[in-house]
PDB file of all heavy atoms in Angstrom:
ATOM      1  N   CYS A   1      29.047  -0.124   9.151  1.00  0.00           N
ATOM      2  CA  CYS A   1      29.492   0.740   8.148  1.00  0.00           C
ATOM      3  C   CYS A   1      28.633   2.002   7.943  1.00  0.00           C
ATOM      4  O   CYS A   1      27.839   2.063   6.992  1.00  0.00           O
ATOM      5  CB  CYS A   1      29.657   0.001   6.697  1.00  0.00           C
ATOM      6  SG  CYS A   1      30.972  -1.304   6.685  1.00  0.00           S
ATOM      7  N   GLY A   2      28.626   2.844   8.883  1.00  0.00           N
ATOM      8  CA  GLY A   2      27.639   3.768   9.097  1.00  0.00           C
ATOM      9  C   GLY A   2      27.582   5.004   8.143  1.00  0.00           C
ATOM     10  O   GLY A   2      26.661   5.623   7.991  1.00  0.00           O
ATOM     11  N   LYS A   3      28.682   5.091   7.328  1.00  0.00           N
ATOM     12  CA  LYS A   3      28.834   6.121   6.401  1.00  0.00           C
ATOM     13  C   LYS A   3      28.426   5.664   5.017  1.00  0.00           C
ATOM     14  O   LYS A   3      28.526   6.588   4.005  1.00  0.00           O
ATOM     15  CB  LYS A   3      30.141   6.730   6.427  1.00  0.00           C
ATOM     16  CG  LYS A   3      30.526   7.509   7.682  1.00  0.00           C
ATOM     17  CD  LYS A   3      31.951   8.279   7.668  1.00  0.00           C
ATOM     18  CE  LYS A   3      32.120   8.936   8.998  1.00  0.00           C
ATOM     19  NZ  LYS A   3      33.393   9.604   8.921  1.00  0.00           N
ATOM     20  N   ILE A   4      28.247   4.391   4.731  1.00  0.00           N
ATOM     21  CA  ILE A   4      27.695   3.996   3.441  1.00  0.00           C
ATOM     22  C   ILE A   4      26.186   4.413   3.247  1.00  0.00           C
ATOM     23  O   ILE A   4      25.545   4.368   4.219  1.00  0.00           O
ATOM     24  CB  ILE A   4      27.783   2.450   3.468  1.00  0.00           C
ATOM     25  CG1 ILE A   4      29.041   1.887   3.272  1.00  0.00           C
ATOM     26  CG2 ILE A   4      27.030   1.908   2.186  1.00  0.00           C
ATOM     27  CD1 ILE A   4      29.295   0.372   3.054  1.00  0.00           C
ATOM     28  N   THR A   5      25.993   5.074   2.280  1.00  0.00           N
ATOM     29  CA  THR A   5      24.723   5.750   1.956  1.00  0.00           C
ATOM     30  C   THR A   5      24.008   5.170   0.773  1.00  0.00           C
ATOM     31  O   THR A   5      24.391   4.179   0.125  1.00  0.00           O
ATOM     32  CB  THR A   5      24.934   7.254   1.732  1.00  0.00           C
ATOM     33  OG1 THR A   5      25.867   7.384   0.496  1.00  0.00           O
ATOM     34  CG2 THR A   5      25.614   7.883   2.959  1.00  0.00           C
ATOM     35  N   GLY A   6      22.848   5.760   0.515  1.00  0.00           N
ATOM     36  CA  GLY A   6      22.100   5.314  -0.639  1.00  0.00           C
ATOM     37  C   GLY A   6      21.285   4.083  -0.358  1.00  0.00           C
ATOM     38  O   GLY A   6      21.174   3.601   0.835  1.00  0.00           O
ATOM     39  N   ALA A   7      20.565   3.578  -1.347  1.00  0.00           N
ATOM     40  CA  ALA A   7      19.616   2.473  -1.254  1.00  0.00           C
ATOM     41  C   ALA A   7      20.401   1.160  -1.394  1.00  0.00           C
ATOM     42  O   ALA A   7      21.373   1.079  -1.890  1.00  0.00           O
ATOM     43  CB  ALA A   7      18.400   2.576  -2.241  1.00  0.00           C
ATOM     44  N   ILE A   8      19.782   0.020  -0.735  1.00  0.00           N
ATOM     45  CA  ILE A   8      20.322  -1.208  -0.932  1.00  0.00           C
ATOM     46  C   ILE A   8      19.930  -1.556  -2.357  1.00  0.00           C
ATOM     47  O   ILE A   8      18.839  -1.529  -2.709  1.00  0.00           O
ATOM     48  CB  ILE A   8      19.697  -2.308  -0.073  1.00  0.00           C
ATOM     49  CG1 ILE A   8      19.950  -1.947   1.454  1.00  0.00           C
ATOM     50  CG2 ILE A   8      20.088  -3.664  -0.303  1.00  0.00           C
ATOM     51  CD1 ILE A   8      19.209  -2.765   2.368  1.00  0.00           C
ATOM     52  N   PRO A   9      20.906  -2.037  -3.223  1.00  0.00           N
ATOM     53  CA  PRO A   9      20.641  -2.305  -4.595  1.00  0.00           C
ATOM     54  C   PRO A   9      19.526  -3.454  -4.834  1.00  0.00           C
ATOM     55  O   PRO A   9      19.709  -4.424  -4.057  1.00  0.00           O
ATOM     56  CB  PRO A   9      21.942  -2.669  -5.160  1.00  0.00           C
ATOM     57  CG  PRO A   9      22.956  -2.204  -4.231  1.00  0.00           C
ATOM     58  CD  PRO A   9      22.463  -2.119  -2.898  1.00  0.00           C
ATOM     59  N   THR A  10      18.626  -3.195  -5.730  1.00  0.00           N
ATOM     60  CA  THR A  10      17.782  -4.290  -6.100  1.00  0.00           C
ATOM     61  C   THR A  10      18.529  -5.436  -6.565  1.00  0.00           C
ATOM     62  O   THR A  10      19.345  -5.350  -7.436  1.00  0.00           O
ATOM     63  CB  THR A  10      16.778  -3.639  -7.130  1.00  0.00           C
ATOM     64  OG1 THR A  10      16.072  -2.651  -6.657  1.00  0.00           O
ATOM     65  CG2 THR A  10      15.797  -4.786  -7.450  1.00  0.00           C
ATOM     66  N   GLY A  11      18.183  -6.628  -6.220  1.00  0.00           N
ATOM     67  CA  GLY A  11      18.702  -7.829  -6.655  1.00  0.00           C
ATOM     68  C   GLY A  11      20.132  -8.168  -6.269  1.00  0.00           C
ATOM     69  O   GLY A  11      20.878  -8.805  -6.907  1.00  0.00           O
ATOM     70  N   LEU A  12      20.618  -7.491  -5.086  1.00  0.00           N
ATOM     71  CA  LEU A  12      21.969  -7.593  -4.614  1.00  0.00           C
ATOM     72  C   LEU A  12      22.370  -9.062  -4.450  1.00  0.00           C
ATOM     73  O   LEU A  12      23.532  -9.418  -4.652  1.00  0.00           O
ATOM     74  CB  LEU A  12      22.013  -6.873  -3.321  1.00  0.00           C
ATOM     75  CG  LEU A  12      23.471  -6.752  -2.645  1.00  0.00           C
ATOM     76  CD1 LEU A  12      24.451  -6.185  -3.576  1.00  0.00           C
ATOM     77  CD2 LEU A  12      23.448  -6.096  -1.328  1.00  0.00           C
ATOM     78  N   PHE A  13      21.345  -9.847  -3.915  1.00  0.00           N
ATOM     79  CA  PHE A  13      21.696 -11.286  -3.556  1.00  0.00           C
ATOM     80  C   PHE A  13      21.303 -12.321  -4.641  1.00  0.00           C
ATOM     81  O   PHE A  13      21.037 -13.474  -4.307  1.00  0.00           O
ATOM     82  CB  PHE A  13      21.271 -11.595  -2.219  1.00  0.00           C
ATOM     83  CG  PHE A  13      21.754 -10.686  -1.165  1.00  0.00           C
ATOM     84  CD1 PHE A  13      20.995  -9.928  -0.425  1.00  0.00           C
ATOM     85  CD2 PHE A  13      23.143 -10.542  -0.963  1.00  0.00           C
ATOM     86  CE1 PHE A  13      21.420  -8.956   0.574  1.00  0.00           C
ATOM     87  CE2 PHE A  13      23.717  -9.729   0.012  1.00  0.00           C
ATOM     88  CZ  PHE A  13      22.711  -8.977   0.837  1.00  0.00           C
ATOM     89  N   ASP A  14      20.657 -11.833  -5.712  1.00  0.00           N
ATOM     90  CA  ASP A  14      20.040 -12.692  -6.721  1.00  0.00           C
ATOM     91  C   ASP A  14      20.790 -13.794  -7.324  1.00  0.00           C
ATOM     92  O   ASP A  14      20.119 -14.908  -7.517  1.00  0.00           O
ATOM     93  CB  ASP A  14      19.496 -11.852  -7.925  1.00  0.00           C
ATOM     94  CG  ASP A  14      18.191 -11.150  -7.671  1.00  0.00           C
ATOM     95  OD1 ASP A  14      17.614 -11.283  -6.538  1.00  0.00           O
ATOM     96  OD2 ASP A  14      17.627 -10.512  -8.634  1.00  0.00           O
ATOM     97  N   ASN A  15      22.020 -13.673  -7.255  1.00  0.00           N
ATOM     98  CA  ASN A  15      22.962 -14.770  -7.800  1.00  0.00           C
ATOM     99  C   ASN A  15      23.653 -15.560  -6.719  1.00  0.00           C
ATOM    100  O   ASN A  15      24.621 -16.264  -7.051  1.00  0.00           O
ATOM    101  CB  ASN A  15      24.023 -14.214  -8.813  1.00  0.00           C
ATOM    102  CG  ASN A  15      23.370 -13.746 -10.142  1.00  0.00           C
ATOM    103  OD1 ASN A  15      22.123 -13.882 -10.453  1.00  0.00           O
ATOM    104  ND2 ASN A  15      24.151 -13.088 -11.087  1.00  0.00           N
ATOM    105  N   CYS A  16      23.057 -15.570  -5.574  1.00  0.00           N
ATOM    106  CA  CYS A  16      23.671 -16.249  -4.475  1.00  0.00           C
ATOM    107  C   CYS A  16      22.607 -17.133  -3.787  1.00  0.00           C
ATOM    108  O   CYS A  16      22.246 -16.942  -2.613  1.00  0.00           O
ATOM    109  CB  CYS A  16      24.170 -15.072  -3.376  1.00  0.00           C
ATOM    110  SG  CYS A  16      25.193 -13.800  -4.074  1.00  0.00           S
ATOM    111  N   PRO A  17      22.335 -18.167  -4.474  1.00  0.00           N
ATOM    112  CA  PRO A  17      21.110 -18.999  -3.955  1.00  0.00           C
ATOM    113  C   PRO A  17      21.614 -19.954  -2.911  1.00  0.00           C
ATOM    114  O   PRO A  17      20.771 -20.582  -2.251  1.00  0.00           O
ATOM    115  CB  PRO A  17      20.731 -19.821  -5.271  1.00  0.00           C
ATOM    116  CG  PRO A  17      21.980 -19.946  -6.112  1.00  0.00           C
ATOM    117  CD  PRO A  17      22.756 -18.681  -5.745  1.00  0.00           C
ATOM    118  N   LEU A  18      22.897 -20.118  -2.545  1.00  0.00           N
ATOM    119  CA  LEU A  18      23.300 -21.129  -1.541  1.00  0.00           C
ATOM    120  C   LEU A  18      23.558 -20.514  -0.186  1.00  0.00           C
ATOM    121  O   LEU A  18      23.742 -21.197   0.790  1.00  0.00           O
ATOM    122  CB  LEU A  18      24.692 -21.679  -1.993  1.00  0.00           C
ATOM    123  CG  LEU A  18      24.675 -22.420  -3.347  1.00  0.00           C
ATOM    124  CD1 LEU A  18      26.140 -22.967  -3.668  1.00  0.00           C
ATOM    125  CD2 LEU A  18      23.727 -23.558  -3.374  1.00  0.00           C
ATOM    126  N   VAL A  19      23.384 -19.182  -0.080  1.00  0.00           N
ATOM    127  CA  VAL A  19      23.500 -18.552   1.257  1.00  0.00           C
ATOM    128  C   VAL A  19      22.571 -19.181   2.319  1.00  0.00           C
ATOM    129  O   VAL A  19      21.306 -19.133   2.128  1.00  0.00           O
ATOM    130  CB  VAL A  19      23.191 -16.960   1.081  1.00  0.00           C
ATOM    131  CG1 VAL A  19      23.487 -16.311   2.362  1.00  0.00           C
ATOM    132  CG2 VAL A  19      24.272 -16.337   0.016  1.00  0.00           C
ATOM    133  N   THR A  20      23.124 -19.382   3.495  1.00  0.00           N
ATOM    134  CA  THR A  20      22.332 -19.797   4.612  1.00  0.00           C
ATOM    135  C   THR A  20      22.367 -18.778   5.717  1.00  0.00           C
ATOM    136  O   THR A  20      21.439 -18.738   6.498  1.00  0.00           O
ATOM    137  CB  THR A  20      22.918 -21.127   5.173  1.00  0.00           C
ATOM    138  OG1 THR A  20      24.247 -20.901   5.690  1.00  0.00           O
ATOM    139  CG2 THR A  20      22.946 -22.169   4.223  1.00  0.00           C
ATOM    140  N   ASP A  21      23.416 -17.903   5.763  1.00  0.00           N
ATOM    141  CA  ASP A  21      23.431 -16.989   6.865  1.00  0.00           C
ATOM    142  C   ASP A  21      23.570 -15.566   6.382  1.00  0.00           C
ATOM    143  O   ASP A  21      24.463 -15.036   5.825  1.00  0.00           O
ATOM    144  CB  ASP A  21      24.732 -17.315   7.655  1.00  0.00           C
ATOM    145  CG  ASP A  21      24.800 -16.635   9.009  1.00  0.00           C
ATOM    146  OD1 ASP A  21      23.935 -15.785   9.241  1.00  0.00           O
ATOM    147  OD2 ASP A  21      25.653 -16.965   9.814  1.00  0.00           O
ATOM    148  N   PHE A  22      22.518 -14.720   6.806  1.00  0.00           N
ATOM    149  CA  PHE A  22      22.412 -13.376   6.520  1.00  0.00           C
ATOM    150  C   PHE A  22      22.483 -12.513   7.726  1.00  0.00           C
ATOM    151  O   PHE A  22      22.202 -11.260   7.787  1.00  0.00           O
ATOM    152  CB  PHE A  22      21.221 -12.872   5.684  1.00  0.00           C
ATOM    153  CG  PHE A  22      21.131 -13.225   4.219  1.00  0.00           C
ATOM    154  CD1 PHE A  22      20.471 -14.285   3.678  1.00  0.00           C
ATOM    155  CD2 PHE A  22      21.857 -12.420   3.389  1.00  0.00           C
ATOM    156  CE1 PHE A  22      20.498 -14.511   2.377  1.00  0.00           C
ATOM    157  CE2 PHE A  22      21.996 -12.647   2.003  1.00  0.00           C
ATOM    158  CZ  PHE A  22      21.144 -13.692   1.407  1.00  0.00           C
ATOM    159  N   SER A  23      22.890 -13.093   8.843  1.00  0.00           N
ATOM    160  CA  SER A  23      22.805 -12.374  10.119  1.00  0.00           C
ATOM    161  C   SER A  23      23.781 -11.193  10.251  1.00  0.00           C
ATOM    162  O   SER A  23      24.806 -11.236   9.790  1.00  0.00           O
ATOM    163  CB  SER A  23      23.122 -13.449  11.258  1.00  0.00           C
ATOM    164  OG  SER A  23      24.440 -13.895  11.052  1.00  0.00           O
ATOM    165  N   PHE A  24      23.144 -10.083  10.755  1.00  0.00           N
ATOM    166  CA  PHE A  24      23.869  -8.827  10.997  1.00  0.00           C
ATOM    167  C   PHE A  24      24.475  -8.145   9.673  1.00  0.00           C
ATOM    168  O   PHE A  24      25.307  -7.361   9.752  1.00  0.00           O
ATOM    169  CB  PHE A  24      25.038  -9.054  12.018  1.00  0.00           C
ATOM    170  CG  PHE A  24      24.754  -9.775  13.247  1.00  0.00           C
ATOM    171  CD1 PHE A  24      24.781 -11.092  13.402  1.00  0.00           C
ATOM    172  CD2 PHE A  24      24.231  -8.827  14.312  1.00  0.00           C
ATOM    173  CE1 PHE A  24      24.468 -11.672  14.642  1.00  0.00           C
ATOM    174  CE2 PHE A  24      23.851  -9.481  15.576  1.00  0.00           C
ATOM    175  CZ  PHE A  24      23.942 -10.974  15.648  1.00  0.00           C
ATOM    176  N   VAL A  25      23.963  -8.484   8.475  1.00  0.00           N
ATOM    177  CA  VAL A  25      24.619  -8.045   7.250  1.00  0.00           C
ATOM    178  C   VAL A  25      24.783  -6.514   7.345  1.00  0.00           C
ATOM    179  O   VAL A  25      25.805  -5.964   6.981  1.00  0.00           O
ATOM    180  CB  VAL A  25      23.878  -8.503   5.984  1.00  0.00           C
ATOM    181  CG1 VAL A  25      24.386  -7.866   4.810  1.00  0.00           C
ATOM    182  CG2 VAL A  25      23.919 -10.068   5.886  1.00  0.00           C
ATOM    183  N   PHE A  26      23.563  -5.857   7.575  1.00  0.00           N
ATOM    184  CA  PHE A  26      23.573  -4.359   7.500  1.00  0.00           C
ATOM    185  C   PHE A  26      23.492  -3.726   8.862  1.00  0.00           C
ATOM    186  O   PHE A  26      23.130  -2.538   8.898  1.00  0.00           O
ATOM    187  CB  PHE A  26      22.503  -3.976   6.533  1.00  0.00           C
ATOM    188  CG  PHE A  26      22.502  -4.490   5.244  1.00  0.00           C
ATOM    189  CD1 PHE A  26      21.403  -5.452   4.834  1.00  0.00           C
ATOM    190  CD2 PHE A  26      23.435  -4.050   4.282  1.00  0.00           C
ATOM    191  CE1 PHE A  26      21.571  -5.933   3.511  1.00  0.00           C
ATOM    192  CE2 PHE A  26      23.366  -4.569   3.037  1.00  0.00           C
ATOM    193  CZ  PHE A  26      22.579  -5.481   2.614  1.00  0.00           C
ATOM    194  N   GLU A  27      23.710  -4.446   9.947  1.00  0.00           N
ATOM    195  CA  GLU A  27      23.568  -3.846  11.270  1.00  0.00           C
ATOM    196  C   GLU A  27      24.268  -2.594  11.431  1.00  0.00           C
ATOM    197  O   GLU A  27      25.565  -2.490  11.154  1.00  0.00           O
ATOM    198  CB  GLU A  27      23.917  -4.783  12.331  1.00  0.00           C
ATOM    199  CG  GLU A  27      23.689  -4.331  13.711  1.00  0.00           C
ATOM    200  CD  GLU A  27      23.838  -5.272  14.920  1.00  0.00           C
ATOM    201  OE1 GLU A  27      24.270  -6.376  14.662  1.00  0.00           O
ATOM    202  OE2 GLU A  27      23.962  -4.831  16.058  1.00  0.00           O
ATOM    203  N   ASP A  28      23.610  -1.568  11.986  1.00  0.00           N
ATOM    204  CA  ASP A  28      24.104  -0.256  12.324  1.00  0.00           C
ATOM    205  C   ASP A  28      24.688   0.524  10.940  1.00  0.00           C
ATOM    206  O   ASP A  28      25.555   1.381  11.025  1.00  0.00           O
ATOM    207  CB  ASP A  28      25.257  -0.231  13.259  1.00  0.00           C
ATOM    208  CG  ASP A  28      24.691  -0.590  14.688  1.00  0.00           C
ATOM    209  OD1 ASP A  28      23.542  -0.362  14.865  1.00  0.00           O
ATOM    210  OD2 ASP A  28      25.324  -1.197  15.467  1.00  0.00           O
ATOM    211  N   CYS A  29      24.125   0.052   9.755  1.00  0.00           N
ATOM    212  CA  CYS A  29      24.412   0.853   8.626  1.00  0.00           C
ATOM    213  C   CYS A  29      23.261   2.046   8.484  1.00  0.00           C
ATOM    214  O   CYS A  29      22.402   1.919   7.727  1.00  0.00           O
ATOM    215  CB  CYS A  29      24.302  -0.008   7.356  1.00  0.00           C
ATOM    216  SG  CYS A  29      25.656  -1.118   7.104  1.00  0.00           S
ATOM    217  N   SER A  30      23.492   2.952   9.483  1.00  0.00           N
ATOM    218  CA  SER A  30      22.468   4.072   9.568  1.00  0.00           C
ATOM    219  C   SER A  30      22.348   5.005   8.406  1.00  0.00           C
ATOM    220  O   SER A  30      21.332   5.771   8.427  1.00  0.00           O
ATOM    221  CB  SER A  30      22.708   4.777  10.817  1.00  0.00           C
ATOM    222  OG  SER A  30      24.029   5.360  10.946  1.00  0.00           O
ATOM    223  N   GLY A  31      23.349   5.013   7.488  1.00  0.00           N
ATOM    224  CA  GLY A  31      23.305   5.791   6.359  1.00  0.00           C
ATOM    225  C   GLY A  31      22.465   5.267   5.130  1.00  0.00           C
ATOM    226  O   GLY A  31      22.239   5.979   4.258  1.00  0.00           O
ATOM    227  N   LEU A  32      22.176   3.884   5.250  1.00  0.00           N
ATOM    228  CA  LEU A  32      21.281   3.483   4.190  1.00  0.00           C
ATOM    229  C   LEU A  32      20.032   4.141   4.183  1.00  0.00           C
ATOM    230  O   LEU A  32      19.412   4.411   5.167  1.00  0.00           O
ATOM    231  CB  LEU A  32      21.158   1.945   4.378  1.00  0.00           C
ATOM    232  CG  LEU A  32      22.329   1.002   4.071  1.00  0.00           C
ATOM    233  CD1 LEU A  32      22.031  -0.360   4.501  1.00  0.00           C
ATOM    234  CD2 LEU A  32      22.803   1.124   2.646  1.00  0.00           C
ATOM    235  N   THR A  33      19.445   4.393   2.935  1.00  0.00           N
ATOM    236  CA  THR A  33      18.186   5.057   2.881  1.00  0.00           C
ATOM    237  C   THR A  33      17.381   4.359   1.954  1.00  0.00           C
ATOM    238  O   THR A  33      17.708   3.312   1.232  1.00  0.00           O
ATOM    239  CB  THR A  33      18.474   6.468   2.364  1.00  0.00           C
ATOM    240  OG1 THR A  33      19.231   6.453   1.061  1.00  0.00           O
ATOM    241  CG2 THR A  33      19.203   7.388   3.287  1.00  0.00           C
ATOM    242  N   GLY A  34      16.074   4.919   1.816  1.00  0.00           N
ATOM    243  CA  GLY A  34      15.057   4.351   0.960  1.00  0.00           C
ATOM    244  C   GLY A  34      14.378   3.063   1.570  1.00  0.00           C
ATOM    245  O   GLY A  34      14.584   2.645   2.620  1.00  0.00           O
ATOM    246  N   SER A  35      13.564   2.339   0.723  1.00  0.00           N
ATOM    247  CA  SER A  35      12.955   1.200   1.136  1.00  0.00           C
ATOM    248  C   SER A  35      13.778  -0.003   0.876  1.00  0.00           C
ATOM    249  O   SER A  35      14.717  -0.096   0.203  1.00  0.00           O
ATOM    250  CB  SER A  35      11.550   1.081   0.259  1.00  0.00           C
ATOM    251  OG  SER A  35      10.835   2.252   0.554  1.00  0.00           O
ATOM    252  N   ILE A  36      13.389  -1.081   1.732  1.00  0.00           N
ATOM    253  CA  ILE A  36      14.137  -2.293   1.349  1.00  0.00           C
ATOM    254  C   ILE A  36      13.482  -2.934   0.062  1.00  0.00           C
ATOM    255  O   ILE A  36      12.359  -2.906  -0.186  1.00  0.00           O
ATOM    256  CB  ILE A  36      13.551  -3.355   2.508  1.00  0.00           C
ATOM    257  CG1 ILE A  36      14.106  -2.848   3.952  1.00  0.00           C
ATOM    258  CG2 ILE A  36      14.198  -4.720   2.278  1.00  0.00           C
ATOM    259  CD1 ILE A  36      13.540  -3.706   5.131  1.00  0.00           C
ATOM    260  N   PRO A  37      14.394  -3.269  -0.811  1.00  0.00           N
ATOM    261  CA  PRO A  37      14.034  -3.602  -2.145  1.00  0.00           C
ATOM    262  C   PRO A  37      13.056  -4.867  -2.158  1.00  0.00           C
ATOM    263  O   PRO A  37      13.213  -5.703  -1.395  1.00  0.00           O
ATOM    264  CB  PRO A  37      15.343  -3.926  -2.835  1.00  0.00           C
ATOM    265  CG  PRO A  37      16.386  -3.322  -2.035  1.00  0.00           C
ATOM    266  CD  PRO A  37      15.887  -3.277  -0.571  1.00  0.00           C
ATOM    267  N   VAL A  38      12.008  -4.739  -3.007  1.00  0.00           N
ATOM    268  CA  VAL A  38      11.130  -5.833  -3.199  1.00  0.00           C
ATOM    269  C   VAL A  38      11.980  -7.014  -3.706  1.00  0.00           C
ATOM    270  O   VAL A  38      12.786  -6.918  -4.596  1.00  0.00           O
ATOM    271  CB  VAL A  38      10.003  -5.532  -4.170  1.00  0.00           C
ATOM    272  CG1 VAL A  38       9.198  -6.748  -4.443  1.00  0.00           C
ATOM    273  CG2 VAL A  38       9.133  -4.358  -3.537  1.00  0.00           C
ATOM    274  N   GLY A  39      11.594  -8.298  -3.126  1.00  0.00           N
ATOM    275  CA  GLY A  39      12.277  -9.484  -3.649  1.00  0.00           C
ATOM    276  C   GLY A  39      13.863  -9.655  -3.367  1.00  0.00           C
ATOM    277  O   GLY A  39      14.422 -10.367  -4.068  1.00  0.00           O
ATOM    278  N   LEU A  40      14.206  -8.931  -2.416  1.00  0.00           N
ATOM    279  CA  LEU A  40      15.668  -8.926  -2.077  1.00  0.00           C
ATOM    280  C   LEU A  40      16.201 -10.156  -1.730  1.00  0.00           C
ATOM    281  O   LEU A  40      17.332 -10.671  -2.092  1.00  0.00           O
ATOM    282  CB  LEU A  40      15.964  -7.948  -0.827  1.00  0.00           C
ATOM    283  CG  LEU A  40      17.412  -7.833  -0.368  1.00  0.00           C
ATOM    284  CD1 LEU A  40      18.308  -7.106  -1.501  1.00  0.00           C
ATOM    285  CD2 LEU A  40      17.467  -6.982   0.885  1.00  0.00           C
ATOM    286  N   PHE A  41      15.367 -11.149  -1.111  1.00  0.00           N
ATOM    287  CA  PHE A  41      15.865 -12.461  -0.890  1.00  0.00           C
ATOM    288  C   PHE A  41      15.077 -13.534  -1.609  1.00  0.00           C
ATOM    289  O   PHE A  41      15.166 -14.800  -1.264  1.00  0.00           O
ATOM    290  CB  PHE A  41      15.668 -12.769   0.585  1.00  0.00           C
ATOM    291  CG  PHE A  41      16.331 -11.659   1.548  1.00  0.00           C
ATOM    292  CD1 PHE A  41      15.395 -10.737   2.343  1.00  0.00           C
ATOM    293  CD2 PHE A  41      17.572 -11.478   1.643  1.00  0.00           C
ATOM    294  CE1 PHE A  41      15.951  -9.825   3.069  1.00  0.00           C
ATOM    295  CE2 PHE A  41      18.130 -10.593   2.463  1.00  0.00           C
ATOM    296  CZ  PHE A  41      17.333  -9.624   3.182  1.00  0.00           C
ATOM    297  N   ASP A  42      14.496 -13.219  -2.718  1.00  0.00           N
ATOM    298  CA  ASP A  42      13.731 -14.107  -3.433  1.00  0.00           C
ATOM    299  C   ASP A  42      14.444 -15.450  -3.923  1.00  0.00           C
ATOM    300  O   ASP A  42      14.004 -16.497  -4.057  1.00  0.00           O
ATOM    301  CB  ASP A  42      13.096 -13.553  -4.673  1.00  0.00           C
ATOM    302  CG  ASP A  42      11.793 -12.829  -4.354  1.00  0.00           C
ATOM    303  OD1 ASP A  42      11.437 -12.792  -3.168  1.00  0.00           O
ATOM    304  OD2 ASP A  42      11.101 -12.231  -5.233  1.00  0.00           O
ATOM    305  N   LYS A  43      15.690 -15.094  -4.236  1.00  0.00           N
ATOM    306  CA  LYS A  43      16.547 -16.300  -4.920  1.00  0.00           C
ATOM    307  C   LYS A  43      17.243 -17.028  -3.761  1.00  0.00           C
ATOM    308  O   LYS A  43      17.974 -18.002  -4.150  1.00  0.00           O
ATOM    309  CB  LYS A  43      17.497 -15.688  -5.985  1.00  0.00           C
ATOM    310  CG  LYS A  43      16.724 -14.974  -7.054  1.00  0.00           C
ATOM    311  CD  LYS A  43      15.863 -15.814  -7.877  1.00  0.00           C
ATOM    312  CE  LYS A  43      15.108 -14.869  -8.845  1.00  0.00           C
ATOM    313  NZ  LYS A  43      16.094 -14.423  -9.797  1.00  0.00           N
TER     314      LYS A  43
END
């Protein structure tokens, strides 16, 4: 999804504690900007 822009939202996965597979989630999202959010995978 190369035209999706902006930053990855903070806490995007906070309510998803059962996830086992994050492979390739944002691959080739070249339009994403900013830093990787602190604590993105904490939960």
